[in-house]
Amino acid sequence: MEFSELLEYIKTGSITVENYKPVTLRKILLSKGATRKEIEEELKIHNPDSESQSMTNTVLTVLQKESRKIIKKENGKYILNLSQELLPEQVKEIVDECNKKIESFKPNTKNSNVWVWPV
């Protein structure tokens, strides 16, 4: 996957309400790889009322198996599935886009979207 593909995926193909893809992608990107436990802890910050294992299973399945945006290394860390390393300005652009996506779904008086999970 190329930088432009990842950026476009975050902008248009990432539905935060359903599976927290931008939260997970941002965590992996900023950490240069993250374990399942680290991802689970990050997701829990964004939705403390949800069962973290189910939430983590969903997002990892989507990102690893369905969209192939991440891969799991032998050391247990998930990394982005990129054809080449990102430049610092590309990292910043992707993180900024993830932050915008995450912010857009936080409940507030101007935005009626809420985080919803099927039970």
N, C-alpha and C. Protein backbone atom coordinates (compact mmCIF):
# COMPACT_ATOMS: atom_id res chain seq x y z
N MET A 1 0.85 -1.16 0.00
CA MET A 1 0.00 0.00 0.00
C MET A 1 0.90 1.23 0.00
N GLU A 2 0.47 2.25 -0.69
CA GLU A 2 1.20 3.51 -0.79
C GLU A 2 0.61 4.54 0.18
N PHE A 3 1.37 5.60 0.43
CA PHE A 3 0.92 6.70 1.28
C PHE A 3 -0.43 7.24 0.82
N SER A 4 -0.58 7.53 -0.46
CA SER A 4 -1.81 8.12 -0.98
C SER A 4 -3.02 7.21 -0.77
N GLU A 5 -2.81 5.90 -0.88
CA GLU A 5 -3.90 4.95 -0.65
C GLU A 5 -4.35 4.97 0.81
N LEU A 6 -3.39 5.00 1.72
CA LEU A 6 -3.72 5.04 3.15
C LEU A 6 -4.45 6.33 3.50
N LEU A 7 -3.96 7.44 2.99
CA LEU A 7 -4.59 8.72 3.26
C LEU A 7 -6.03 8.75 2.73
N GLU A 8 -6.23 8.27 1.53
CA GLU A 8 -7.57 8.23 0.95
C GLU A 8 -8.49 7.29 1.73
N TYR A 9 -7.95 6.17 2.18
CA TYR A 9 -8.72 5.22 2.98
C TYR A 9 -9.22 5.88 4.26
N ILE A 10 -8.36 6.64 4.91
CA ILE A 10 -8.76 7.32 6.15
C ILE A 10 -9.80 8.39 5.86
N LYS A 11 -9.60 9.14 4.80
CA LYS A 11 -10.52 10.22 4.46
C LYS A 11 -11.90 9.71 4.05
N THR A 12 -11.96 8.67 3.25
CA THR A 12 -13.25 8.27 2.66
C THR A 12 -13.73 6.88 3.05
N GLY A 13 -12.84 5.97 3.38
CA GLY A 13 -13.27 4.60 3.60
C GLY A 13 -13.31 4.18 5.05
N SER A 14 -13.10 5.10 5.94
CA SER A 14 -12.99 4.76 7.35
C SER A 14 -14.21 5.24 8.12
N ILE A 15 -15.01 4.30 8.58
CA ILE A 15 -16.22 4.65 9.33
C ILE A 15 -15.90 4.48 10.81
N THR A 16 -15.59 5.57 11.46
CA THR A 16 -15.14 5.54 12.85
C THR A 16 -16.20 4.97 13.79
N VAL A 17 -17.45 5.30 13.56
CA VAL A 17 -18.51 4.87 14.47
C VAL A 17 -18.53 3.35 14.59
N GLU A 18 -18.24 2.65 13.52
CA GLU A 18 -18.35 1.20 13.55
C GLU A 18 -17.14 0.48 14.11
N ASN A 19 -15.95 0.95 13.83
CA ASN A 19 -14.82 0.11 14.20
C ASN A 19 -13.52 0.81 14.57
N TYR A 20 -13.52 2.09 14.76
CA TYR A 20 -12.36 2.77 15.32
C TYR A 20 -11.08 2.62 14.50
N LYS A 21 -11.22 2.51 13.22
CA LYS A 21 -10.04 2.36 12.37
C LYS A 21 -9.05 3.52 12.53
N PRO A 22 -9.49 4.77 12.51
CA PRO A 22 -8.50 5.85 12.64
C PRO A 22 -7.76 5.84 13.98
N VAL A 23 -8.42 5.43 15.05
CA VAL A 23 -7.76 5.35 16.36
C VAL A 23 -6.65 4.32 16.30
N THR A 24 -6.94 3.17 15.72
CA THR A 24 -5.97 2.09 15.63
C THR A 24 -4.83 2.44 14.69
N LEU A 25 -5.16 2.99 13.53
CA LEU A 25 -4.11 3.36 12.57
C LEU A 25 -3.18 4.42 13.15
N ARG A 26 -3.75 5.39 13.85
CA ARG A 26 -2.94 6.44 14.47
C ARG A 26 -2.01 5.84 15.53
N LYS A 27 -2.53 4.94 16.36
CA LYS A 27 -1.73 4.30 17.41
C LYS A 27 -0.56 3.54 16.79
N ILE A 28 -0.85 2.75 15.76
CA ILE A 28 0.20 1.96 15.11
C ILE A 28 1.24 2.88 14.47
N LEU A 29 0.78 3.92 13.84
CA LEU A 29 1.68 4.84 13.15
C LEU A 29 2.58 5.58 14.14
N LEU A 30 2.00 6.14 15.19
CA LEU A 30 2.79 6.90 16.16
C LEU A 30 3.73 6.03 16.98
N SER A 31 3.34 4.77 17.18
CA SER A 31 4.17 3.84 17.96
C SER A 31 5.16 3.06 17.10
N LYS A 32 5.04 3.23 15.78
CA LYS A 32 5.83 2.44 14.83
C LYS A 32 5.62 0.94 15.08
N GLY A 33 4.38 0.61 15.37
CA GLY A 33 3.99 -0.76 15.67
C GLY A 33 3.39 -0.83 17.05
N ALA A 34 2.34 -1.63 17.20
CA ALA A 34 1.68 -1.74 18.50
C ALA A 34 1.18 -3.16 18.70
N THR A 35 1.25 -3.62 19.94
CA THR A 35 0.72 -4.94 20.26
C THR A 35 -0.80 -4.87 20.40
N ARG A 36 -1.42 -6.02 20.42
CA ARG A 36 -2.87 -6.09 20.60
C ARG A 36 -3.28 -5.40 21.90
N LYS A 37 -2.52 -5.63 22.95
CA LYS A 37 -2.84 -5.02 24.26
C LYS A 37 -2.75 -3.50 24.18
N GLU A 38 -1.74 -2.97 23.52
CA GLU A 38 -1.59 -1.53 23.38
C GLU A 38 -2.75 -0.93 22.57
N ILE A 39 -3.15 -1.64 21.52
CA ILE A 39 -4.28 -1.19 20.71
C ILE A 39 -5.56 -1.22 21.54
N GLU A 40 -5.74 -2.30 22.28
CA GLU A 40 -6.92 -2.44 23.14
C GLU A 40 -6.99 -1.30 24.16
N GLU A 41 -5.88 -0.96 24.77
CA GLU A 41 -5.85 0.13 25.75
C GLU A 41 -6.20 1.46 25.09
N GLU A 42 -5.71 1.69 23.88
CA GLU A 42 -6.01 2.93 23.16
C GLU A 42 -7.49 3.02 22.81
N LEU A 43 -8.05 1.91 22.36
CA LEU A 43 -9.48 1.89 22.01
C LEU A 43 -10.34 2.12 23.24
N LYS A 44 -9.92 1.58 24.36
CA LYS A 44 -10.66 1.73 25.62
C LYS A 44 -10.73 3.21 26.04
N ILE A 45 -9.70 3.97 25.74
CA ILE A 45 -9.70 5.41 26.04
C ILE A 45 -10.83 6.10 25.28
N HIS A 46 -11.06 5.67 24.07
CA HIS A 46 -12.06 6.32 23.22
C HIS A 46 -13.47 5.80 23.42
N ASN A 47 -13.60 4.66 24.04
CA ASN A 47 -14.93 4.13 24.34
C ASN A 47 -14.86 3.25 25.59
N PRO A 48 -14.80 3.86 26.76
CA PRO A 48 -14.63 3.09 28.00
C PRO A 48 -15.81 2.18 28.33
N ASP A 49 -16.97 2.40 27.74
CA ASP A 49 -18.14 1.58 28.04
C ASP A 49 -18.24 0.32 27.19
N SER A 50 -17.43 0.22 26.18
CA SER A 50 -17.49 -0.94 25.29
C SER A 50 -16.58 -2.05 25.79
N GLU A 51 -16.95 -3.29 25.47
CA GLU A 51 -16.11 -4.42 25.82
C GLU A 51 -14.88 -4.38 24.92
N SER A 52 -13.72 -4.19 25.50
CA SER A 52 -12.52 -3.91 24.71
C SER A 52 -12.09 -5.07 23.82
N GLN A 53 -12.23 -6.31 24.25
CA GLN A 53 -11.81 -7.43 23.42
C GLN A 53 -12.62 -7.52 22.14
N SER A 54 -13.91 -7.36 22.24
CA SER A 54 -14.78 -7.40 21.06
C SER A 54 -14.44 -6.25 20.12
N MET A 55 -14.26 -5.07 20.66
CA MET A 55 -13.92 -3.89 19.88
C MET A 55 -12.59 -4.12 19.16
N THR A 56 -11.60 -4.63 19.87
CA THR A 56 -10.28 -4.88 19.29
C THR A 56 -10.36 -5.95 18.21
N ASN A 57 -11.09 -7.02 18.48
CA ASN A 57 -11.26 -8.08 17.47
C ASN A 57 -11.82 -7.52 16.17
N THR A 58 -12.83 -6.68 16.29
CA THR A 58 -13.49 -6.11 15.12
C THR A 58 -12.52 -5.27 14.31
N VAL A 59 -11.86 -4.33 14.96
CA VAL A 59 -10.99 -3.41 14.22
C VAL A 59 -9.78 -4.14 13.64
N LEU A 60 -9.20 -5.06 14.35
CA LEU A 60 -8.05 -5.78 13.81
C LEU A 60 -8.44 -6.68 12.64
N THR A 61 -9.60 -7.30 12.72
CA THR A 61 -10.08 -8.12 11.62
C THR A 61 -10.28 -7.29 10.36
N VAL A 62 -10.91 -6.14 10.51
CA VAL A 62 -11.16 -5.27 9.36
C VAL A 62 -9.84 -4.78 8.76
N LEU A 63 -8.95 -4.29 9.60
CA LEU A 63 -7.71 -3.71 9.09
C LEU A 63 -6.70 -4.74 8.59
N GLN A 64 -6.71 -5.93 9.18
CA GLN A 64 -5.71 -6.93 8.79
C GLN A 64 -6.22 -7.84 7.68
N LYS A 65 -7.40 -8.36 7.83
CA LYS A 65 -7.86 -9.39 6.89
C LYS A 65 -8.71 -8.84 5.75
N GLU A 66 -9.58 -7.88 6.04
CA GLU A 66 -10.49 -7.39 5.01
C GLU A 66 -9.86 -6.30 4.14
N SER A 67 -9.26 -5.30 4.75
CA SER A 67 -8.72 -4.19 3.96
C SER A 67 -7.20 -4.28 3.77
N ARG A 68 -6.55 -5.18 4.49
CA ARG A 68 -5.11 -5.40 4.39
C ARG A 68 -4.27 -4.11 4.61
N LYS A 69 -4.70 -3.31 5.56
CA LYS A 69 -3.99 -2.07 5.88
C LYS A 69 -2.89 -2.28 6.92
N ILE A 70 -2.98 -3.36 7.68
CA ILE A 70 -1.96 -3.66 8.69
C ILE A 70 -1.55 -5.13 8.55
N ILE A 71 -0.38 -5.43 9.08
CA ILE A 71 0.07 -6.82 9.16
C ILE A 71 0.61 -7.06 10.56
N LYS A 72 0.59 -8.32 10.96
CA LYS A 72 1.11 -8.69 12.29
C LYS A 72 2.48 -9.32 12.10
N LYS A 73 3.47 -8.77 12.78
CA LYS A 73 4.83 -9.28 12.71
C LYS A 73 4.99 -10.44 13.69
N GLU A 74 6.09 -11.18 13.53
CA GLU A 74 6.37 -12.32 14.40
C GLU A 74 6.51 -11.91 15.86
N ASN A 75 6.91 -10.67 16.12
CA ASN A 75 7.09 -10.21 17.50
C ASN A 75 5.76 -9.82 18.15
N GLY A 76 4.63 -10.02 17.41
CA GLY A 76 3.31 -9.73 17.96
C GLY A 76 2.84 -8.31 17.75
N LYS A 77 3.67 -7.48 17.13
CA LYS A 77 3.28 -6.09 16.88
C LYS A 77 2.60 -5.97 15.53
N TYR A 78 1.58 -5.12 15.50
CA TYR A 78 0.92 -4.78 14.25
C TYR A 78 1.60 -3.55 13.68
N ILE A 79 1.85 -3.59 12.37
CA ILE A 79 2.45 -2.45 11.69
C ILE A 79 1.61 -2.14 10.45
N LEU A 80 1.81 -0.95 9.90
CA LEU A 80 1.12 -0.60 8.67
C LEU A 80 1.70 -1.41 7.52
N ASN A 81 0.85 -1.81 6.60
CA ASN A 81 1.24 -2.60 5.45
C ASN A 81 1.61 -1.66 4.30
N LEU A 82 2.77 -1.03 4.41
CA LEU A 82 3.20 -0.03 3.44
C LEU A 82 4.35 -0.57 2.58
N SER A 83 4.39 -0.12 1.34
CA SER A 83 5.45 -0.56 0.44
C SER A 83 6.77 0.15 0.74
N GLN A 84 6.72 1.33 1.35
CA GLN A 84 7.94 2.03 1.76
C GLN A 84 7.65 2.86 3.00
N GLU A 85 8.72 3.19 3.72
CA GLU A 85 8.58 3.97 4.95
C GLU A 85 8.07 5.37 4.64
N LEU A 86 7.23 5.87 5.54
CA LEU A 86 6.66 7.20 5.37
C LEU A 86 7.66 8.28 5.77
N LEU A 87 7.60 9.40 5.07
CA LEU A 87 8.38 10.58 5.45
C LEU A 87 7.70 11.26 6.63
N PRO A 88 8.45 12.01 7.43
CA PRO A 88 7.85 12.68 8.60
C PRO A 88 6.63 13.54 8.25
N GLU A 89 6.66 14.25 7.13
CA GLU A 89 5.52 15.08 6.75
C GLU A 89 4.31 14.22 6.35
N GLN A 90 4.57 13.03 5.81
CA GLN A 90 3.47 12.11 5.48
C GLN A 90 2.84 11.55 6.76
N VAL A 91 3.68 11.22 7.74
CA VAL A 91 3.17 10.75 9.03
C VAL A 91 2.28 11.83 9.64
N LYS A 92 2.75 13.06 9.63
CA LYS A 92 1.96 14.16 10.20
C LYS A 92 0.63 14.31 9.47
N GLU A 93 0.64 14.22 8.16
CA GLU A 93 -0.60 14.36 7.39
C GLU A 93 -1.60 13.25 7.71
N ILE A 94 -1.12 12.04 7.84
CA ILE A 94 -2.01 10.92 8.16
C ILE A 94 -2.54 11.05 9.59
N VAL A 95 -1.67 11.39 10.53
CA VAL A 95 -2.11 11.58 11.93
C VAL A 95 -3.14 12.69 12.01
N ASP A 96 -2.90 13.80 11.30
CA ASP A 96 -3.87 14.90 11.29
C ASP A 96 -5.22 14.44 10.74
N GLU A 97 -5.20 13.65 9.70
CA GLU A 97 -6.45 13.16 9.10
C GLU A 97 -7.16 12.19 10.05
N CYS A 98 -6.40 11.34 10.74
CA CYS A 98 -6.99 10.44 11.75
C CYS A 98 -7.64 11.27 12.86
N ASN A 99 -6.94 12.29 13.32
CA ASN A 99 -7.47 13.14 14.39
C ASN A 99 -8.76 13.82 13.96
N LYS A 100 -8.81 14.31 12.73
CA LYS A 100 -10.04 14.93 12.22
C LYS A 100 -11.18 13.93 12.22
N LYS A 101 -10.91 12.72 11.78
CA LYS A 101 -11.94 11.69 11.71
C LYS A 101 -12.43 11.33 13.12
N ILE A 102 -11.51 11.20 14.04
CA ILE A 102 -11.86 10.86 15.42
C ILE A 102 -12.68 11.99 16.04
N GLU A 103 -12.24 13.22 15.86
CA GLU A 103 -12.97 14.38 16.40
C GLU A 103 -14.38 14.48 15.84
N SER A 104 -14.54 14.17 14.58
CA SER A 104 -15.85 14.33 13.93
C SER A 104 -16.92 13.43 14.54
N PHE A 105 -16.52 12.39 15.24
CA PHE A 105 -17.50 11.48 15.81
C PHE A 105 -17.64 11.60 17.32
N LYS A 106 -16.95 12.56 17.93
CA LYS A 106 -17.15 12.77 19.36
C LYS A 106 -18.48 13.46 19.58
N PRO A 107 -19.31 12.96 20.49
CA PRO A 107 -20.60 13.60 20.74
C PRO A 107 -20.42 15.01 21.29
N ASN A 108 -21.17 15.94 20.73
CA ASN A 108 -21.21 17.30 21.26
C ASN A 108 -22.53 17.95 20.83
N THR A 109 -22.73 19.18 21.18
CA THR A 109 -24.00 19.82 20.88
C THR A 109 -24.19 20.10 19.41
N LYS A 110 -23.10 20.19 18.65
CA LYS A 110 -23.20 20.47 17.23
C LYS A 110 -23.28 19.21 16.39
N ASN A 111 -22.89 18.10 16.94
CA ASN A 111 -22.80 16.86 16.18
C ASN A 111 -23.54 15.77 16.94
N SER A 112 -24.54 15.19 16.35
CA SER A 112 -25.36 14.21 17.05
C SER A 112 -24.86 12.79 16.88
N ASN A 113 -23.75 12.57 16.17
CA ASN A 113 -23.20 11.22 16.02
C ASN A 113 -22.76 10.69 17.37
N VAL A 114 -22.94 9.43 17.60
CA VAL A 114 -22.48 8.80 18.83
C VAL A 114 -21.79 7.49 18.46
N TRP A 115 -20.97 7.00 19.38
CA TRP A 115 -20.31 5.73 19.16
C TRP A 115 -21.31 4.61 19.47
N VAL A 116 -21.53 3.73 18.52
CA VAL A 116 -22.53 2.68 18.70
C VAL A 116 -21.87 1.34 18.35
N TRP A 117 -22.13 0.37 19.18
CA TRP A 117 -21.64 -0.98 18.92
C TRP A 117 -22.81 -1.96 19.01
N PRO A 118 -22.88 -2.91 18.07
CA PRO A 118 -23.92 -3.94 18.18
C PRO A 118 -23.59 -4.86 19.36
N VAL A 119 -24.62 -5.31 20.04
CA VAL A 119 -24.40 -6.24 21.15
C VAL A 119 -25.09 -7.55 20.89
